[in-house]
N, C-alpha and C. Protein backbone atom coordinates (compact mmCIF):
# COMPACT_ATOMS: atom_id res chain seq x y z
N MET A 1 -12.30 6.06 -18.69
CA MET A 1 -12.33 7.20 -17.79
C MET A 1 -11.99 8.45 -18.60
N ASN A 2 -12.82 9.47 -18.53
CA ASN A 2 -12.51 10.69 -19.27
C ASN A 2 -11.55 11.56 -18.47
N SER A 3 -11.01 12.59 -19.11
CA SER A 3 -9.98 13.40 -18.47
C SER A 3 -10.53 14.29 -17.36
N ALA A 4 -11.86 14.48 -17.30
CA ALA A 4 -12.44 15.31 -16.26
C ALA A 4 -12.62 14.55 -14.95
N THR A 5 -12.58 13.24 -14.99
CA THR A 5 -12.75 12.44 -13.78
C THR A 5 -11.44 12.38 -13.01
N PRO A 6 -11.44 12.70 -11.71
CA PRO A 6 -10.20 12.60 -10.93
C PRO A 6 -9.71 11.16 -10.84
N TRP A 7 -8.39 10.97 -10.69
CA TRP A 7 -7.79 9.64 -10.68
C TRP A 7 -8.25 8.80 -9.51
N TRP A 8 -8.60 9.42 -8.39
CA TRP A 8 -8.95 8.65 -7.21
C TRP A 8 -10.36 8.10 -7.28
N LEU A 9 -11.16 8.53 -8.27
CA LEU A 9 -12.50 7.99 -8.45
C LEU A 9 -12.50 6.72 -9.29
N ASP A 10 -11.42 6.45 -10.00
CA ASP A 10 -11.34 5.24 -10.80
C ASP A 10 -11.12 4.06 -9.87
N SER A 11 -11.95 3.04 -9.98
CA SER A 11 -11.92 1.95 -9.00
C SER A 11 -11.01 0.80 -9.40
N SER A 12 -10.34 0.85 -10.53
CA SER A 12 -9.54 -0.31 -10.96
C SER A 12 -8.37 -0.56 -10.02
N TRP A 13 -7.72 0.46 -9.51
CA TRP A 13 -6.60 0.24 -8.60
C TRP A 13 -7.09 -0.21 -7.23
N VAL A 14 -8.27 0.24 -6.82
CA VAL A 14 -8.83 -0.19 -5.54
C VAL A 14 -9.20 -1.67 -5.61
N LEU A 15 -9.78 -2.10 -6.71
CA LEU A 15 -10.20 -3.49 -6.86
C LEU A 15 -9.01 -4.45 -6.92
N SER A 16 -7.85 -3.97 -7.30
CA SER A 16 -6.68 -4.86 -7.33
C SER A 16 -6.02 -4.97 -5.97
N VAL A 17 -6.30 -4.06 -5.06
CA VAL A 17 -5.64 -4.02 -3.76
C VAL A 17 -6.50 -4.62 -2.65
N ILE A 18 -7.79 -4.44 -2.70
CA ILE A 18 -8.67 -4.86 -1.60
C ILE A 18 -8.57 -6.36 -1.30
N PRO A 19 -8.53 -7.27 -2.26
CA PRO A 19 -8.42 -8.69 -1.90
C PRO A 19 -7.16 -9.02 -1.11
N VAL A 20 -6.05 -8.39 -1.44
CA VAL A 20 -4.80 -8.64 -0.74
C VAL A 20 -4.90 -8.15 0.70
N ILE A 21 -5.38 -6.93 0.89
CA ILE A 21 -5.51 -6.37 2.24
C ILE A 21 -6.49 -7.19 3.06
N PHE A 22 -7.62 -7.56 2.47
CA PHE A 22 -8.63 -8.32 3.19
C PHE A 22 -8.10 -9.68 3.63
N THR A 23 -7.44 -10.40 2.73
CA THR A 23 -6.95 -11.74 3.05
C THR A 23 -5.92 -11.72 4.16
N ILE A 24 -4.96 -10.82 4.07
CA ILE A 24 -3.90 -10.77 5.09
C ILE A 24 -4.46 -10.27 6.42
N SER A 25 -5.37 -9.30 6.39
CA SER A 25 -5.98 -8.82 7.63
C SER A 25 -6.83 -9.90 8.28
N GLU A 26 -7.54 -10.66 7.47
CA GLU A 26 -8.35 -11.76 8.01
C GLU A 26 -7.47 -12.81 8.68
N ASP A 27 -6.33 -13.12 8.08
CA ASP A 27 -5.39 -14.06 8.70
C ASP A 27 -4.86 -13.52 10.03
N ALA A 28 -4.54 -12.23 10.05
CA ALA A 28 -4.04 -11.63 11.30
C ALA A 28 -5.09 -11.67 12.39
N LEU A 29 -6.34 -11.39 12.04
CA LEU A 29 -7.41 -11.39 13.03
C LEU A 29 -7.74 -12.81 13.50
N SER A 30 -7.68 -13.77 12.61
CA SER A 30 -8.01 -15.15 13.00
C SER A 30 -6.88 -15.81 13.79
N ASN A 31 -5.67 -15.25 13.76
CA ASN A 31 -4.55 -15.82 14.51
C ASN A 31 -4.42 -15.27 15.92
N VAL A 32 -5.39 -14.47 16.35
CA VAL A 32 -5.41 -14.02 17.74
C VAL A 32 -5.73 -15.25 18.60
N PRO A 33 -4.93 -15.50 19.64
CA PRO A 33 -5.16 -16.71 20.46
C PRO A 33 -6.56 -16.74 21.07
N PRO A 34 -7.26 -17.86 20.93
CA PRO A 34 -8.61 -17.96 21.50
C PRO A 34 -8.62 -17.81 23.02
N SER A 35 -7.51 -18.12 23.66
CA SER A 35 -7.46 -17.98 25.12
C SER A 35 -7.58 -16.52 25.54
N LEU A 36 -7.04 -15.60 24.74
CA LEU A 36 -7.19 -14.17 25.06
C LEU A 36 -8.63 -13.71 24.91
N ILE A 37 -9.28 -14.20 23.87
CA ILE A 37 -10.69 -13.84 23.64
C ILE A 37 -11.54 -14.40 24.78
N ALA A 38 -11.30 -15.66 25.14
CA ALA A 38 -12.06 -16.28 26.21
C ALA A 38 -11.80 -15.59 27.55
N ALA A 39 -10.56 -15.18 27.80
CA ALA A 39 -10.23 -14.50 29.06
C ALA A 39 -10.93 -13.16 29.16
N SER A 40 -10.97 -12.39 28.04
CA SER A 40 -11.64 -11.09 28.09
C SER A 40 -13.14 -11.25 28.26
N GLU A 41 -13.72 -12.27 27.64
CA GLU A 41 -15.16 -12.51 27.83
C GLU A 41 -15.44 -12.98 29.26
N ALA A 42 -14.52 -13.78 29.83
CA ALA A 42 -14.71 -14.25 31.19
C ALA A 42 -14.62 -13.12 32.21
N LEU A 43 -13.87 -12.09 31.87
CA LEU A 43 -13.75 -10.94 32.77
C LEU A 43 -14.90 -9.96 32.62
N GLY A 44 -15.85 -10.27 31.72
CA GLY A 44 -17.05 -9.46 31.60
C GLY A 44 -17.00 -8.40 30.51
N ALA A 45 -16.04 -8.46 29.63
CA ALA A 45 -15.97 -7.48 28.55
C ALA A 45 -17.06 -7.77 27.51
N SER A 46 -17.65 -6.70 27.00
CA SER A 46 -18.62 -6.88 25.92
C SER A 46 -17.87 -7.26 24.65
N ARG A 47 -18.61 -7.65 23.64
CA ARG A 47 -17.96 -8.06 22.39
C ARG A 47 -17.15 -6.91 21.78
N TRP A 48 -17.70 -5.72 21.80
CA TRP A 48 -17.01 -4.56 21.26
C TRP A 48 -15.76 -4.23 22.07
N GLN A 49 -15.85 -4.30 23.39
CA GLN A 49 -14.68 -4.05 24.24
C GLN A 49 -13.60 -5.09 23.97
N MET A 50 -14.00 -6.34 23.79
CA MET A 50 -13.05 -7.40 23.49
C MET A 50 -12.33 -7.15 22.16
N VAL A 51 -13.08 -6.74 21.17
CA VAL A 51 -12.47 -6.46 19.86
C VAL A 51 -11.54 -5.26 19.95
N ARG A 52 -11.98 -4.20 20.63
CA ARG A 52 -11.21 -2.97 20.70
C ARG A 52 -9.95 -3.09 21.55
N THR A 53 -10.03 -3.81 22.67
CA THR A 53 -8.91 -3.84 23.61
C THR A 53 -8.04 -5.08 23.50
N VAL A 54 -8.54 -6.15 22.89
CA VAL A 54 -7.76 -7.38 22.80
C VAL A 54 -7.43 -7.74 21.36
N VAL A 55 -8.44 -7.93 20.53
CA VAL A 55 -8.23 -8.46 19.19
C VAL A 55 -7.46 -7.48 18.30
N LEU A 56 -7.90 -6.23 18.22
CA LEU A 56 -7.23 -5.27 17.34
C LEU A 56 -5.78 -4.98 17.75
N PRO A 57 -5.48 -4.77 19.04
CA PRO A 57 -4.08 -4.56 19.38
C PRO A 57 -3.18 -5.77 19.08
N VAL A 58 -3.67 -6.97 19.33
CA VAL A 58 -2.85 -8.16 19.06
C VAL A 58 -2.65 -8.34 17.56
N ALA A 59 -3.66 -8.04 16.77
CA ALA A 59 -3.57 -8.21 15.32
C ALA A 59 -3.04 -6.98 14.60
N SER A 60 -2.68 -5.93 15.32
CA SER A 60 -2.31 -4.66 14.68
C SER A 60 -1.08 -4.78 13.78
N ALA A 61 -0.09 -5.59 14.16
CA ALA A 61 1.09 -5.75 13.30
C ALA A 61 0.71 -6.39 11.98
N GLY A 62 -0.16 -7.39 12.01
CA GLY A 62 -0.60 -8.04 10.78
C GLY A 62 -1.45 -7.14 9.91
N ILE A 63 -2.32 -6.35 10.54
CA ILE A 63 -3.16 -5.42 9.78
C ILE A 63 -2.30 -4.33 9.14
N PHE A 64 -1.30 -3.84 9.89
CA PHE A 64 -0.39 -2.84 9.32
C PHE A 64 0.38 -3.43 8.14
N SER A 65 0.83 -4.66 8.28
CA SER A 65 1.54 -5.33 7.18
C SER A 65 0.64 -5.47 5.96
N ALA A 66 -0.62 -5.81 6.18
CA ALA A 66 -1.57 -5.93 5.07
C ALA A 66 -1.74 -4.60 4.34
N LEU A 67 -1.83 -3.52 5.11
CA LEU A 67 -1.98 -2.20 4.48
C LEU A 67 -0.73 -1.81 3.69
N MET A 68 0.44 -2.12 4.23
CA MET A 68 1.68 -1.78 3.52
C MET A 68 1.85 -2.63 2.25
N ILE A 69 1.49 -3.90 2.31
CA ILE A 69 1.57 -4.74 1.12
C ILE A 69 0.56 -4.25 0.08
N GLY A 70 -0.64 -3.87 0.53
CA GLY A 70 -1.63 -3.32 -0.39
C GLY A 70 -1.18 -2.02 -1.02
N LEU A 71 -0.56 -1.15 -0.21
CA LEU A 71 -0.03 0.11 -0.75
C LEU A 71 1.07 -0.17 -1.76
N GLY A 72 1.95 -1.12 -1.43
CA GLY A 72 3.02 -1.47 -2.36
C GLY A 72 2.47 -2.03 -3.67
N ARG A 73 1.43 -2.81 -3.58
CA ARG A 73 0.84 -3.35 -4.80
C ARG A 73 0.18 -2.25 -5.62
N ALA A 74 -0.50 -1.32 -4.94
CA ALA A 74 -1.16 -0.23 -5.66
C ALA A 74 -0.14 0.64 -6.38
N VAL A 75 0.98 0.91 -5.74
CA VAL A 75 2.01 1.74 -6.37
C VAL A 75 2.74 0.95 -7.46
N GLY A 76 2.94 -0.34 -7.23
CA GLY A 76 3.69 -1.16 -8.17
C GLY A 76 2.91 -1.54 -9.41
N GLU A 77 1.61 -1.45 -9.38
CA GLU A 77 0.81 -1.79 -10.55
C GLU A 77 0.91 -0.64 -11.57
N THR A 78 1.87 -0.75 -12.44
CA THR A 78 2.18 0.34 -13.36
C THR A 78 1.03 0.67 -14.29
N MET A 79 0.48 -0.32 -14.95
CA MET A 79 -0.51 -0.04 -15.96
C MET A 79 -1.85 0.40 -15.36
N ILE A 80 -2.22 -0.15 -14.20
CA ILE A 80 -3.45 0.29 -13.55
C ILE A 80 -3.31 1.75 -13.12
N VAL A 81 -2.17 2.08 -12.53
CA VAL A 81 -1.94 3.46 -12.11
C VAL A 81 -1.88 4.37 -13.34
N LEU A 82 -1.28 3.90 -14.41
CA LEU A 82 -1.19 4.68 -15.65
C LEU A 82 -2.58 5.02 -16.18
N MET A 83 -3.48 4.03 -16.18
CA MET A 83 -4.84 4.29 -16.66
C MET A 83 -5.65 5.11 -15.67
N ALA A 84 -5.47 4.84 -14.38
CA ALA A 84 -6.27 5.54 -13.37
C ALA A 84 -5.91 7.01 -13.26
N THR A 85 -4.65 7.35 -13.49
CA THR A 85 -4.23 8.74 -13.34
C THR A 85 -4.42 9.55 -14.60
N GLY A 86 -4.87 8.94 -15.65
CA GLY A 86 -5.14 9.68 -16.88
C GLY A 86 -3.97 9.81 -17.81
N ASN A 87 -2.77 9.34 -17.43
CA ASN A 87 -1.58 9.36 -18.27
C ASN A 87 -1.30 10.74 -18.85
N THR A 88 -1.34 11.75 -18.02
CA THR A 88 -1.03 13.10 -18.49
C THR A 88 0.32 13.52 -17.95
N PRO A 89 1.28 13.78 -18.81
CA PRO A 89 2.61 14.18 -18.35
C PRO A 89 2.68 15.64 -17.91
N ILE A 90 1.57 16.37 -17.99
CA ILE A 90 1.55 17.78 -17.60
C ILE A 90 1.43 17.87 -16.09
N MET A 91 2.37 18.55 -15.45
CA MET A 91 2.37 18.69 -13.99
C MET A 91 1.49 19.89 -13.63
N ASP A 92 0.63 19.68 -12.63
CA ASP A 92 -0.27 20.73 -12.19
C ASP A 92 -0.23 20.78 -10.67
N TRP A 93 -0.51 21.94 -10.09
CA TRP A 93 -0.49 22.07 -8.64
C TRP A 93 -1.69 21.39 -7.99
N ASN A 94 -2.75 21.15 -8.74
CA ASN A 94 -3.92 20.47 -8.21
C ASN A 94 -3.67 18.96 -8.26
N ILE A 95 -3.64 18.31 -7.08
CA ILE A 95 -3.33 16.88 -7.05
C ILE A 95 -4.47 16.03 -7.59
N PHE A 96 -5.65 16.59 -7.78
CA PHE A 96 -6.77 15.82 -8.28
C PHE A 96 -6.85 15.83 -9.80
N ASN A 97 -5.99 16.56 -10.46
CA ASN A 97 -5.91 16.49 -11.91
C ASN A 97 -5.06 15.30 -12.29
N GLY A 98 -5.04 14.97 -13.56
CA GLY A 98 -4.27 13.84 -14.02
C GLY A 98 -2.79 14.01 -13.73
N MET A 99 -2.09 12.87 -13.65
CA MET A 99 -0.66 12.90 -13.38
C MET A 99 -0.03 11.65 -13.97
N ARG A 100 1.27 11.53 -13.82
CA ARG A 100 1.97 10.33 -14.26
C ARG A 100 2.99 9.96 -13.19
N THR A 101 2.93 8.73 -12.73
CA THR A 101 3.86 8.26 -11.71
C THR A 101 5.21 7.92 -12.34
N LEU A 102 6.22 7.71 -11.50
CA LEU A 102 7.54 7.34 -12.01
C LEU A 102 7.50 6.04 -12.80
N SER A 103 6.83 5.03 -12.25
CA SER A 103 6.79 3.74 -12.94
C SER A 103 6.03 3.85 -14.26
N ALA A 104 4.94 4.60 -14.28
CA ALA A 104 4.19 4.80 -15.52
C ALA A 104 5.01 5.61 -16.53
N ASN A 105 5.78 6.57 -16.05
CA ASN A 105 6.62 7.36 -16.94
C ASN A 105 7.69 6.48 -17.60
N ILE A 106 8.29 5.60 -16.82
CA ILE A 106 9.30 4.70 -17.37
C ILE A 106 8.67 3.76 -18.38
N ALA A 107 7.50 3.19 -18.05
CA ALA A 107 6.84 2.25 -18.96
C ALA A 107 6.40 2.93 -20.25
N THR A 108 6.00 4.18 -20.17
CA THR A 108 5.52 4.89 -21.35
C THR A 108 6.65 5.40 -22.24
N GLU A 109 7.71 5.94 -21.65
CA GLU A 109 8.72 6.64 -22.43
C GLU A 109 9.94 5.81 -22.80
N LEU A 110 10.21 4.72 -22.09
CA LEU A 110 11.42 3.95 -22.37
C LEU A 110 11.47 3.37 -23.78
N PRO A 111 10.35 2.88 -24.34
CA PRO A 111 10.45 2.34 -25.70
C PRO A 111 10.83 3.39 -26.76
N GLU A 112 10.50 4.65 -26.51
CA GLU A 112 10.81 5.70 -27.48
C GLU A 112 12.16 6.38 -27.23
N ALA A 113 12.80 6.12 -26.10
CA ALA A 113 14.06 6.78 -25.78
C ALA A 113 15.20 6.14 -26.58
N ALA A 114 16.03 6.98 -27.16
CA ALA A 114 17.18 6.48 -27.91
C ALA A 114 18.22 5.93 -26.93
N GLN A 115 18.79 4.78 -27.31
CA GLN A 115 19.77 4.14 -26.43
C GLN A 115 20.96 5.06 -26.18
N ASP A 116 21.42 5.12 -24.92
CA ASP A 116 22.55 5.92 -24.46
C ASP A 116 22.33 7.43 -24.60
N SER A 117 21.07 7.85 -24.75
CA SER A 117 20.79 9.28 -24.77
C SER A 117 20.58 9.77 -23.34
N THR A 118 20.50 11.08 -23.19
CA THR A 118 20.25 11.67 -21.87
C THR A 118 18.87 11.24 -21.36
N HIS A 119 17.90 11.23 -22.25
CA HIS A 119 16.55 10.82 -21.89
C HIS A 119 16.55 9.39 -21.36
N TYR A 120 17.26 8.50 -22.01
CA TYR A 120 17.37 7.09 -21.62
C TYR A 120 17.99 6.98 -20.23
N ARG A 121 19.05 7.74 -20.00
CA ARG A 121 19.73 7.69 -18.70
C ARG A 121 18.87 8.30 -17.58
N VAL A 122 18.12 9.34 -17.89
CA VAL A 122 17.24 9.94 -16.89
C VAL A 122 16.11 8.97 -16.51
N LEU A 123 15.63 8.20 -17.47
CA LEU A 123 14.61 7.20 -17.15
C LEU A 123 15.18 6.13 -16.23
N PHE A 124 16.43 5.72 -16.46
CA PHE A 124 17.07 4.76 -15.56
C PHE A 124 17.33 5.39 -14.18
N LEU A 125 17.64 6.67 -14.14
CA LEU A 125 17.78 7.36 -12.86
C LEU A 125 16.44 7.38 -12.13
N GLY A 126 15.35 7.59 -12.87
CA GLY A 126 14.02 7.52 -12.26
C GLY A 126 13.74 6.15 -11.67
N GLY A 127 14.18 5.09 -12.37
CA GLY A 127 14.04 3.74 -11.84
C GLY A 127 14.86 3.54 -10.58
N LEU A 128 16.06 4.09 -10.55
CA LEU A 128 16.90 3.99 -9.36
C LEU A 128 16.28 4.74 -8.18
N ILE A 129 15.71 5.90 -8.45
CA ILE A 129 15.03 6.68 -7.41
C ILE A 129 13.81 5.93 -6.91
N LEU A 130 13.06 5.33 -7.82
CA LEU A 130 11.89 4.55 -7.43
C LEU A 130 12.29 3.36 -6.56
N PHE A 131 13.36 2.68 -6.93
CA PHE A 131 13.86 1.56 -6.12
C PHE A 131 14.29 2.04 -4.74
N SER A 132 15.00 3.17 -4.69
CA SER A 132 15.47 3.70 -3.40
C SER A 132 14.30 4.09 -2.50
N MET A 133 13.30 4.74 -3.07
CA MET A 133 12.13 5.14 -2.28
C MET A 133 11.39 3.91 -1.76
N THR A 134 11.27 2.89 -2.59
CA THR A 134 10.60 1.66 -2.18
C THR A 134 11.37 0.98 -1.06
N PHE A 135 12.70 0.94 -1.18
CA PHE A 135 13.53 0.32 -0.16
C PHE A 135 13.40 1.05 1.17
N ILE A 136 13.45 2.37 1.14
CA ILE A 136 13.34 3.17 2.37
C ILE A 136 11.96 3.00 3.00
N LEU A 137 10.91 3.04 2.19
CA LEU A 137 9.55 2.89 2.70
C LEU A 137 9.35 1.50 3.31
N ASN A 138 9.85 0.47 2.65
CA ASN A 138 9.73 -0.89 3.19
C ASN A 138 10.53 -1.06 4.48
N THR A 139 11.68 -0.43 4.56
CA THR A 139 12.48 -0.50 5.79
C THR A 139 11.76 0.17 6.94
N LEU A 140 11.19 1.35 6.71
CA LEU A 140 10.43 2.04 7.75
C LEU A 140 9.20 1.25 8.16
N ALA A 141 8.53 0.65 7.18
CA ALA A 141 7.35 -0.15 7.50
C ALA A 141 7.73 -1.37 8.33
N GLU A 142 8.87 -1.98 8.05
CA GLU A 142 9.32 -3.13 8.85
C GLU A 142 9.66 -2.72 10.27
N ILE A 143 10.25 -1.55 10.44
CA ILE A 143 10.55 -1.05 11.79
C ILE A 143 9.26 -0.82 12.58
N VAL A 144 8.26 -0.21 11.94
CA VAL A 144 6.98 0.03 12.60
C VAL A 144 6.31 -1.31 12.94
N ARG A 145 6.36 -2.27 12.02
CA ARG A 145 5.75 -3.57 12.27
C ARG A 145 6.41 -4.28 13.44
N GLN A 146 7.74 -4.22 13.51
CA GLN A 146 8.45 -4.86 14.62
C GLN A 146 8.09 -4.20 15.96
N ARG A 147 7.95 -2.88 15.96
CA ARG A 147 7.58 -2.17 17.20
C ARG A 147 6.16 -2.54 17.63
N LEU A 148 5.24 -2.65 16.67
CA LEU A 148 3.89 -3.07 17.00
C LEU A 148 3.89 -4.50 17.54
N ARG A 149 4.70 -5.34 16.95
CA ARG A 149 4.77 -6.74 17.38
C ARG A 149 5.32 -6.84 18.80
N LYS A 150 6.36 -6.05 19.11
CA LYS A 150 6.92 -6.05 20.47
C LYS A 150 5.93 -5.49 21.49
N ARG A 151 5.24 -4.42 21.09
CA ARG A 151 4.34 -3.75 22.02
C ARG A 151 3.16 -4.64 22.41
N PHE A 152 2.63 -5.39 21.44
CA PHE A 152 1.45 -6.20 21.69
C PHE A 152 1.77 -7.68 21.67
N ASN A 153 2.96 -8.06 22.09
CA ASN A 153 3.35 -9.45 22.13
C ASN A 153 2.60 -10.15 23.26
N VAL A 154 1.97 -11.28 22.92
CA VAL A 154 1.16 -11.98 23.92
C VAL A 154 1.80 -13.28 24.40
N VAL A 155 2.77 -13.76 23.68
CA VAL A 155 3.39 -15.04 24.07
C VAL A 155 4.76 -14.79 24.68
């Protein structure tokens, strides 16, 4: 990928995430009770109405979980993100120019940082911030998933 290509056009990070999202979403959709599908068809709902009003709401917690796991994998894949974003440490106001994520910054700069230097400690602080952000995001995602599960509980 050359430096003129925006990071979001590189497909390597997308190709690593799609199988995970697809597999988990497929499991969520296939675990919708057949009795609900049969009941909606018996009441005269078309196939699209059945999918929109029965299948998607019941499977919404699983689909949301699949998206969050896929997002976590996309962010956690350090080297794919490093290559996709162009590995440029220069910060720019345009989000479509190259950038460097926290995990990529740690992976790139930690081998060259002198032990017990300020640079070394700042990289560990970046790791702590990354862990904290991940923990908060996962906690919020779990709260949303539980609310979706309660809202569309069928059993």
